[in-house]
Amino acid sequence: MESLNRSWQTASGYGVAIAAVGLALGARELFTPLWGPSFVPFIFFFPAIALAAWYGRWGPALLAIERFPPVSLLLISSHRRTI
């Protein structure tokens, strides 16, 4: 039972990390028309990484850090193509 509980906590930590980066992307997209594509482009991703580190410790935090640059670069480059 202990190993099942531990594996559930680990899986939920990674889920929180992925959800936090996804929510950060959604929040950034929501505020882009108001702020513009180049005004503080990473402001929502830093709290997402902090949340992943707080909830899931090292592994989920590293996953959020790994997912953050490709998602943010995709976001910034897609807005620059439309301008």
Protein backbone atom coordinates (compact mmCIF):
# COMPACT_ATOMS: atom_id res chain seq x y z
CA MET A 1 0.00 0.00 0.00
CA GLU A 2 2.89 2.35 0.76
CA SER A 3 4.41 1.91 -2.72
CA LEU A 4 1.03 2.57 -4.36
CA ASN A 5 0.64 5.79 -2.39
CA ARG A 6 4.18 6.88 -3.25
CA SER A 7 3.69 6.15 -6.96
CA TRP A 8 0.42 8.10 -6.94
CA GLN A 9 2.17 11.09 -5.37
CA THR A 10 4.93 10.92 -7.96
CA ALA A 11 2.47 10.70 -10.85
CA SER A 12 0.39 13.56 -9.51
CA GLY A 13 3.52 15.71 -9.19
CA TYR A 14 4.32 15.21 -12.86
CA GLY A 15 0.69 15.89 -13.74
CA VAL A 16 0.79 19.15 -11.82
CA ALA A 17 3.99 20.14 -13.65
CA ILE A 18 2.46 19.52 -17.08
CA ALA A 19 -0.80 21.24 -16.11
CA ALA A 20 1.05 24.25 -14.69
CA VAL A 21 3.03 24.77 -17.90
CA GLY A 22 -0.16 24.36 -19.92
CA LEU A 23 -2.02 26.88 -17.77
CA ALA A 24 0.90 29.29 -18.03
CA LEU A 25 0.76 29.00 -21.81
CA GLY A 26 -2.99 29.61 -21.76
CA ALA A 27 -2.64 32.62 -19.48
CA ARG A 28 0.08 34.07 -21.67
CA GLU A 29 -2.08 33.61 -24.76
CA LEU A 30 -4.98 35.27 -22.97
CA PHE A 31 -2.95 38.37 -22.11
CA THR A 32 -1.03 38.65 -25.40
CA PRO A 33 -3.65 40.84 -27.13
CA LEU A 34 -3.59 43.19 -24.16
CA TRP A 35 0.18 43.32 -23.56
CA GLY A 36 1.62 42.41 -26.94
CA PRO A 37 3.83 39.44 -27.80
CA SER A 38 7.11 40.80 -26.51
CA PHE A 39 6.10 42.36 -23.18
CA VAL A 40 7.34 40.09 -20.37
CA PRO A 41 6.97 36.87 -22.41
CA PHE A 42 7.90 34.46 -19.59
CA ILE A 43 6.02 36.02 -16.68
CA PHE A 44 3.55 33.16 -16.28
CA PHE A 45 6.08 30.37 -16.67
CA PHE A 46 8.14 31.21 -13.59
CA PRO A 47 5.23 30.64 -11.17
CA ALA A 48 4.42 27.41 -13.03
CA ILE A 49 7.92 26.10 -12.38
CA ALA A 50 7.75 27.22 -8.76
CA LEU A 51 4.43 25.41 -8.31
CA ALA A 52 5.84 22.24 -9.85
CA ALA A 53 8.88 22.43 -7.58
CA TRP A 54 6.79 23.03 -4.48
CA TYR A 55 4.26 20.29 -5.18
CA GLY A 56 6.36 17.60 -6.78
CA ARG A 57 9.95 18.38 -5.76
CA TRP A 58 12.90 17.78 -8.13
CA GLY A 59 11.55 15.55 -10.88
CA PRO A 60 8.41 17.50 -11.78
CA ALA A 61 10.29 20.79 -11.46
CA LEU A 62 12.89 19.59 -13.94
CA LEU A 63 10.12 18.45 -16.28
CA ALA A 64 8.54 21.91 -16.12
CA ILE A 65 11.91 23.51 -16.78
CA GLU A 66 12.46 21.16 -19.72
CA ARG A 67 9.01 21.90 -21.21
CA PHE A 68 9.19 25.65 -20.64
CA PRO A 69 11.72 26.70 -23.37
CA PRO A 70 10.16 24.83 -26.33
CA VAL A 71 6.67 25.99 -25.43
CA SER A 72 7.74 29.59 -24.91
CA LEU A 73 9.81 29.69 -28.09
CA LEU A 74 6.91 28.28 -30.04
CA LEU A 75 4.64 30.90 -28.54
CA ILE A 76 6.97 33.81 -29.27
CA SER A 77 7.87 32.68 -32.78
CA SER A 78 4.21 32.15 -33.72
CA HIS A 79 3.36 35.71 -32.71
CA ARG A 80 6.31 37.17 -34.59
CA ARG A 81 5.21 35.48 -37.80
CA THR A 82 1.82 37.16 -37.65
CA ILE A 83 3.14 40.68 -37.14
